[in-house]
Amino acid sequence: MGKSSLINALTGRKALARTSHTPGRTRQLVFFTGPAKLVLVDLPGYGYAAAAKSAIAAWTALVDGYLGGRANLGRIYLMVDARHGLKETDEGVLVALDRAGVNYQLVLTKTDAVAASALAARMREAADELTRHPAAFPDVLATSSRNGSGIPQLRAALARLLAERSGA
């Protein structure tokens, strides 16, 4: 249960975003228009995927092309599997987003599969890492699309961001 599952949980719709049990099924940019000028974009992942390296390289180029020079982006919500925490591949993405000046926030996913003490440690590790990244929003969100934990907090974060951007 990854990015697409989280979009479904966030929107309260079971099959809005196509999901799969196999990582790497999102292979293009998928746009979801919401209320109040909200547009969610499900991007191909950059971590583990059951695909050829050439396909992963093409997805990476697609994502880089989309993110580059896009001043209208409110925030990137970067999904990180709570079972593993930040990995070396994540560091490269954080640095690239910092360099591009794209504001981002970490969202730990699959928190239902992690013991409370391990989740607390992952949250601290992630927050500590974000202090070294100028484009990072400092609050780390913890979610589970399976049991719904953290989904109200993510919705509230999106609502606050929309309100800030609209000047309300």
Protein backbone atom coordinates (compact mmCIF):
# COMPACT_ATOMS: atom_id res chain seq x y z
CA MET A 1 0.00 0.00 0.00
CA GLY A 2 1.91 2.96 -1.31
CA LYS A 3 1.30 6.35 -2.87
CA SER A 4 -1.83 5.42 -4.80
CA SER A 5 -3.36 3.77 -1.73
CA LEU A 6 -2.67 6.92 0.26
CA ILE A 7 -4.42 9.05 -2.40
CA ASN A 8 -7.44 6.75 -2.15
CA ALA A 9 -7.46 7.00 1.65
CA LEU A 10 -6.98 10.76 1.53
CA THR A 11 -9.90 11.25 -0.85
CA GLY A 12 -12.11 8.65 0.82
CA ARG A 13 -12.50 6.75 -2.45
CA LYS A 14 -11.49 3.11 -2.72
CA ALA A 15 -10.51 3.03 -6.38
CA LEU A 16 -9.74 6.59 -7.48
CA ALA A 17 -6.04 5.85 -7.88
CA ARG A 18 -5.14 2.48 -9.35
CA THR A 19 -3.29 0.34 -6.81
CA SER A 20 -1.26 -2.83 -6.98
CA HIS A 21 0.55 -5.12 -4.59
CA THR A 22 3.64 -4.78 -6.77
CA PRO A 23 5.76 -1.62 -6.31
CA GLY A 24 6.36 0.49 -9.39
CA ARG A 25 2.94 0.26 -11.06
CA THR A 26 2.54 4.03 -11.41
CA ARG A 27 4.48 4.70 -14.60
CA GLN A 28 3.20 8.11 -15.65
CA LEU A 29 1.94 11.33 -14.10
CA VAL A 30 -1.62 10.83 -12.88
CA PHE A 31 -3.56 14.02 -12.02
CA PHE A 32 -6.47 14.21 -9.58
CA THR A 33 -8.37 17.49 -9.35
CA GLY A 34 -9.89 18.28 -5.98
CA PRO A 35 -11.71 21.21 -4.41
CA ALA A 36 -10.31 24.73 -4.00
CA LYS A 37 -7.64 24.52 -6.71
CA LEU A 38 -6.19 21.34 -5.21
CA VAL A 39 -4.53 19.06 -7.71
CA LEU A 40 -2.85 15.88 -6.49
CA VAL A 41 -0.32 14.30 -8.80
CA ASP A 42 0.66 10.66 -8.35
CA LEU A 43 4.22 10.38 -9.65
CA PRO A 44 6.20 7.24 -10.40
CA GLY A 45 8.30 6.22 -7.42
CA TYR A 46 12.07 6.36 -7.35
CA GLY A 47 12.78 3.56 -4.89
CA TYR A 48 12.27 -0.15 -5.34
CA ALA A 49 10.15 -1.15 -8.31
CA ALA A 50 9.66 -4.41 -10.16
CA ALA A 51 10.85 -2.98 -13.49
CA ALA A 52 13.87 -2.73 -15.73
CA LYS A 53 16.50 -0.11 -14.86
CA SER A 54 15.83 1.61 -18.19
CA ALA A 55 12.14 2.02 -17.28
CA ILE A 56 13.03 3.41 -13.85
CA ALA A 57 15.46 5.85 -15.51
CA ALA A 58 12.68 6.99 -17.86
CA TRP A 59 10.28 7.54 -14.92
CA THR A 60 12.98 9.50 -13.09
CA ALA A 61 13.47 11.74 -16.13
CA LEU A 62 9.70 12.22 -16.37
CA VAL A 63 9.44 13.25 -12.71
CA ASP A 64 12.50 15.53 -12.94
CA GLY A 65 11.00 17.20 -16.00
CA TYR A 66 7.70 17.73 -14.23
CA LEU A 67 9.22 19.15 -11.03
CA GLY A 68 11.81 21.39 -12.67
CA GLY A 69 10.95 25.08 -12.71
CA ARG A 70 7.38 24.58 -11.54
CA ALA A 71 6.76 27.59 -9.29
CA ASN A 72 3.06 26.79 -8.95
CA LEU A 73 3.71 23.69 -6.85
CA GLY A 74 2.44 24.25 -3.33
CA ARG A 75 4.29 21.37 -1.76
CA ILE A 76 5.60 17.93 -2.58
CA TYR A 77 4.47 15.25 -0.15
CA LEU A 78 7.30 12.74 -0.23
CA MET A 79 6.15 9.28 0.81
CA VAL A 80 8.60 7.19 2.81
CA ASP A 81 7.86 3.66 3.97
CA ALA A 82 7.90 3.76 7.79
CA ARG A 83 9.15 0.17 7.91
CA HIS A 84 12.45 1.31 6.40
CA GLY A 85 12.72 5.04 7.10
CA LEU A 86 14.84 7.34 4.97
CA LYS A 87 17.24 5.50 2.69
CA GLU A 88 20.18 6.53 0.56
CA THR A 89 17.93 6.96 -2.50
CA ASP A 90 15.76 9.38 -0.49
CA GLU A 91 18.77 11.57 0.31
CA GLY A 92 19.39 12.21 -3.39
CA VAL A 93 15.76 13.26 -3.83
CA LEU A 94 15.89 15.59 -0.81
CA VAL A 95 19.03 17.26 -2.15
CA ALA A 96 17.49 17.63 -5.62
CA LEU A 97 14.33 19.21 -4.17
CA ASP A 98 16.45 21.56 -2.05
CA ARG A 99 18.48 22.55 -5.11
CA ALA A 100 15.29 23.18 -7.11
CA GLY A 101 13.77 25.16 -4.24
CA VAL A 102 10.70 22.93 -4.18
CA ASN A 103 9.02 22.86 -0.77
CA TYR A 104 8.38 19.32 0.45
CA GLN A 105 7.08 17.45 3.47
CA LEU A 106 7.80 13.88 4.48
CA VAL A 107 4.89 11.51 4.96
CA LEU A 108 5.71 8.19 6.56
CA THR A 109 3.41 5.49 5.17
CA LYS A 110 2.52 1.98 6.28
CA THR A 111 2.77 2.97 9.93
CA ASP A 112 0.38 0.16 10.85
CA ALA A 113 3.23 -2.26 10.11
CA VAL A 114 5.63 -0.66 12.61
CA ALA A 115 5.70 -0.90 16.40
CA ALA A 116 4.99 2.37 18.19
CA SER A 117 8.54 2.66 19.55
CA ALA A 118 10.06 2.05 16.11
CA LEU A 119 7.69 4.59 14.56
CA ALA A 120 8.68 7.20 17.15
CA ALA A 121 12.34 6.55 16.32
CA ARG A 122 11.66 6.86 12.56
CA MET A 123 9.83 10.14 13.15
CA ARG A 124 12.77 11.53 15.18
CA GLU A 125 15.31 10.36 12.58
CA ALA A 126 13.31 11.93 9.76
CA ALA A 127 12.82 15.22 11.64
CA ASP A 128 16.54 15.36 12.44
CA GLU A 129 17.43 14.78 8.79
CA LEU A 130 15.05 17.51 7.63
CA THR A 131 16.89 20.12 9.69
CA ARG A 132 19.73 19.78 7.13
CA HIS A 133 17.46 20.51 4.15
CA PRO A 134 16.42 24.11 3.46
CA ALA A 135 13.36 23.33 1.29
CA ALA A 136 11.92 20.81 3.75
CA PHE A 137 8.79 21.57 5.75
CA PRO A 138 9.81 20.57 9.30
CA ASP A 139 6.76 18.51 10.36
CA VAL A 140 6.79 14.80 9.52
CA LEU A 141 3.38 13.18 9.05
CA ALA A 142 2.72 9.51 9.86
CA THR A 143 -0.04 7.70 7.97
CA SER A 144 -1.57 4.34 7.24
CA SER A 145 -3.93 3.87 4.33
CA ARG A 146 -4.86 0.49 5.79
CA ASN A 147 -6.22 1.70 9.14
CA GLY A 148 -6.66 5.41 8.37
CA SER A 149 -4.30 6.71 11.03
CA GLY A 150 -2.81 10.09 10.17
CA ILE A 151 -5.19 10.66 7.26
CA PRO A 152 -7.12 13.44 9.07
CA GLN A 153 -3.81 15.15 9.88
CA LEU A 154 -2.71 14.95 6.23
CA ARG A 155 -6.07 16.38 5.11
CA ALA A 156 -5.65 19.21 7.64
CA ALA A 157 -2.12 19.91 6.36
CA LEU A 158 -3.46 20.15 2.81
CA ALA A 159 -6.27 22.46 3.92
CA ARG A 160 -3.81 24.74 5.76
CA LEU A 161 -1.56 24.86 2.70
CA LEU A 162 -4.48 25.74 0.42
CA ALA A 163 -5.62 28.46 2.84
CA GLU A 164 -2.10 29.93 3.04
CA ARG A 165 -1.71 29.94 -0.74
CA SER A 166 -5.12 31.57 -1.31
CA GLY A 167 -4.38 34.29 1.23
CA ALA A 168 -7.29 33.27 3.47
